[in-house]
Amino acid sequence: MPVVIGVASAVVVIVLVGTLASAVGNLGEVEIAVVVLLGLIAGVMAGVWEVRRKR
């Protein structure tokens, strides 16, 4: 279950941050990489939080 929570969190963060960033201006390669990195970090943090919560 922590993997599902982590993936869902990553997708939500990527979509939300990507939408906000694209509304502000054009997204270049660096900006897209930052959005994906933020999503990955959020997914890992959510997965770790879920594992700790279950204990």
N, C-alpha and C. Protein backbone atom coordinates (compact mmCIF):
# COMPACT_ATOMS: atom_id res chain seq x y z
N MET A 1 0.80 -1.21 0.00
CA MET A 1 0.00 0.00 0.00
C MET A 1 0.85 1.28 0.00
N PRO A 2 2.00 1.32 0.67
CA PRO A 2 2.81 2.54 0.63
C PRO A 2 3.25 2.91 -0.79
N VAL A 3 3.46 1.91 -1.64
CA VAL A 3 3.86 2.20 -3.01
C VAL A 3 2.73 2.90 -3.75
N VAL A 4 1.51 2.44 -3.53
CA VAL A 4 0.34 3.05 -4.19
C VAL A 4 0.18 4.49 -3.72
N ILE A 5 0.32 4.71 -2.42
CA ILE A 5 0.21 6.07 -1.87
C ILE A 5 1.31 6.96 -2.45
N GLY A 6 2.52 6.44 -2.53
CA GLY A 6 3.64 7.21 -3.07
C GLY A 6 3.45 7.57 -4.53
N VAL A 7 3.00 6.61 -5.33
CA VAL A 7 2.79 6.87 -6.76
C VAL A 7 1.66 7.88 -6.95
N ALA A 8 0.57 7.70 -6.21
CA ALA A 8 -0.55 8.63 -6.32
C ALA A 8 -0.13 10.04 -5.93
N SER A 9 0.65 10.15 -4.88
CA SER A 9 1.14 11.46 -4.44
C SER A 9 2.05 12.08 -5.50
N ALA A 10 2.92 11.28 -6.07
CA ALA A 10 3.82 11.79 -7.10
C ALA A 10 3.05 12.30 -8.31
N VAL A 11 2.06 11.55 -8.74
CA VAL A 11 1.26 11.96 -9.90
C VAL A 11 0.51 13.26 -9.61
N VAL A 12 -0.08 13.35 -8.43
CA VAL A 12 -0.82 14.56 -8.08
C VAL A 12 0.10 15.78 -8.05
N VAL A 13 1.27 15.62 -7.45
CA VAL A 13 2.21 16.75 -7.38
C VAL A 13 2.69 17.14 -8.77
N ILE A 14 3.01 16.17 -9.61
CA ILE A 14 3.47 16.48 -10.96
C ILE A 14 2.38 17.22 -11.74
N VAL A 15 1.15 16.76 -11.63
CA VAL A 15 0.05 17.40 -12.37
C VAL A 15 -0.21 18.81 -11.84
N LEU A 16 -0.29 18.96 -10.52
CA LEU A 16 -0.59 20.28 -9.96
C LEU A 16 0.52 21.29 -10.21
N VAL A 17 1.76 20.91 -9.92
CA VAL A 17 2.88 21.83 -10.12
C VAL A 17 3.08 22.11 -11.61
N GLY A 18 2.93 21.10 -12.43
CA GLY A 18 3.06 21.29 -13.87
C GLY A 18 2.00 22.23 -14.42
N THR A 19 0.78 22.10 -13.93
CA THR A 19 -0.30 22.98 -14.37
C THR A 19 -0.04 24.42 -13.95
N LEU A 20 0.37 24.59 -12.70
CA LEU A 20 0.67 25.94 -12.23
C LEU A 20 1.85 26.56 -12.97
N ALA A 21 2.88 25.77 -13.21
CA ALA A 21 4.07 26.28 -13.90
C ALA A 21 3.76 26.61 -15.36
N SER A 22 2.94 25.81 -16.00
CA SER A 22 2.62 26.08 -17.40
C SER A 22 1.72 27.31 -17.53
N ALA A 23 0.92 27.59 -16.51
CA ALA A 23 0.09 28.79 -16.54
C ALA A 23 0.94 30.05 -16.42
N VAL A 24 2.06 29.95 -15.72
CA VAL A 24 2.94 31.11 -15.53
C VAL A 24 3.73 31.42 -16.79
N GLY A 25 4.22 30.40 -17.45
CA GLY A 25 5.03 30.63 -18.65
C GLY A 25 5.40 29.33 -19.32
N ASN A 26 6.23 29.44 -20.33
CA ASN A 26 6.66 28.26 -21.07
C ASN A 26 7.53 27.37 -20.19
N LEU A 27 7.34 26.07 -20.32
CA LEU A 27 8.14 25.11 -19.57
C LEU A 27 9.28 24.62 -20.45
N GLY A 28 10.49 24.83 -19.98
CA GLY A 28 11.67 24.31 -20.67
C GLY A 28 12.07 22.98 -20.08
N GLU A 29 13.20 22.46 -20.53
CA GLU A 29 13.67 21.16 -20.05
C GLU A 29 13.98 21.19 -18.56
N VAL A 30 14.58 22.26 -18.10
CA VAL A 30 14.96 22.35 -16.69
C VAL A 30 13.72 22.42 -15.81
N GLU A 31 12.74 23.19 -16.22
CA GLU A 31 11.52 23.31 -15.44
C GLU A 31 10.78 21.99 -15.35
N ILE A 32 10.73 21.26 -16.45
CA ILE A 32 10.07 19.95 -16.46
C ILE A 32 10.81 18.99 -15.54
N ALA A 33 12.14 19.03 -15.57
CA ALA A 33 12.93 18.16 -14.69
C ALA A 33 12.68 18.50 -13.22
N VAL A 34 12.54 19.77 -12.91
CA VAL A 34 12.26 20.18 -11.53
C VAL A 34 10.89 19.70 -11.10
N VAL A 35 9.90 19.79 -11.97
CA VAL A 35 8.55 19.32 -11.64
C VAL A 35 8.56 17.82 -11.37
N VAL A 36 9.24 17.06 -12.21
CA VAL A 36 9.32 15.61 -12.01
C VAL A 36 10.08 15.28 -10.74
N LEU A 37 11.15 16.01 -10.46
CA LEU A 37 11.92 15.79 -9.23
C LEU A 37 11.07 16.07 -8.00
N LEU A 38 10.30 17.15 -8.02
CA LEU A 38 9.40 17.45 -6.90
C LEU A 38 8.37 16.34 -6.72
N GLY A 39 7.83 15.83 -7.81
CA GLY A 39 6.88 14.73 -7.73
C GLY A 39 7.50 13.48 -7.15
N LEU A 40 8.73 13.18 -7.57
CA LEU A 40 9.43 12.01 -7.05
C LEU A 40 9.70 12.13 -5.56
N ILE A 41 10.14 13.30 -5.14
CA ILE A 41 10.40 13.53 -3.71
C ILE A 41 9.11 13.41 -2.91
N ALA A 42 8.03 13.99 -3.41
CA ALA A 42 6.75 13.91 -2.71
C ALA A 42 6.26 12.47 -2.63
N GLY A 43 6.45 11.70 -3.68
CA GLY A 43 6.04 10.30 -3.67
C GLY A 43 6.81 9.48 -2.67
N VAL A 44 8.11 9.68 -2.62
CA VAL A 44 8.93 8.95 -1.64
C VAL A 44 8.55 9.34 -0.22
N MET A 45 8.36 10.63 0.01
CA MET A 45 7.99 11.09 1.35
C MET A 45 6.64 10.52 1.77
N ALA A 46 5.68 10.48 0.85
CA ALA A 46 4.37 9.93 1.18
C ALA A 46 4.46 8.44 1.46
N GLY A 47 5.26 7.72 0.69
CA GLY A 47 5.44 6.29 0.93
C GLY A 47 6.08 6.00 2.28
N VAL A 48 7.11 6.77 2.61
CA VAL A 48 7.78 6.60 3.91
C VAL A 48 6.83 6.94 5.04
N TRP A 49 6.07 8.01 4.87
CA TRP A 49 5.10 8.40 5.90
C TRP A 49 4.06 7.29 6.12
N GLU A 50 3.61 6.68 5.03
CA GLU A 50 2.61 5.61 5.13
C GLU A 50 3.18 4.40 5.86
N VAL A 51 4.43 4.05 5.58
CA VAL A 51 5.06 2.92 6.27
C VAL A 51 5.18 3.20 7.76
N ARG A 52 5.62 4.39 8.10
CA ARG A 52 5.77 4.74 9.52
C ARG A 52 4.43 4.81 10.22
N ARG A 53 3.40 5.24 9.52
CA ARG A 53 2.06 5.35 10.12
C ARG A 53 1.49 3.98 10.45
N LYS A 54 1.83 2.98 9.65
CA LYS A 54 1.30 1.62 9.85
C LYS A 54 1.93 0.93 11.05
N ARG A 55 3.09 1.38 11.48
CA ARG A 55 3.79 0.71 12.59
C ARG A 55 3.26 1.14 13.92
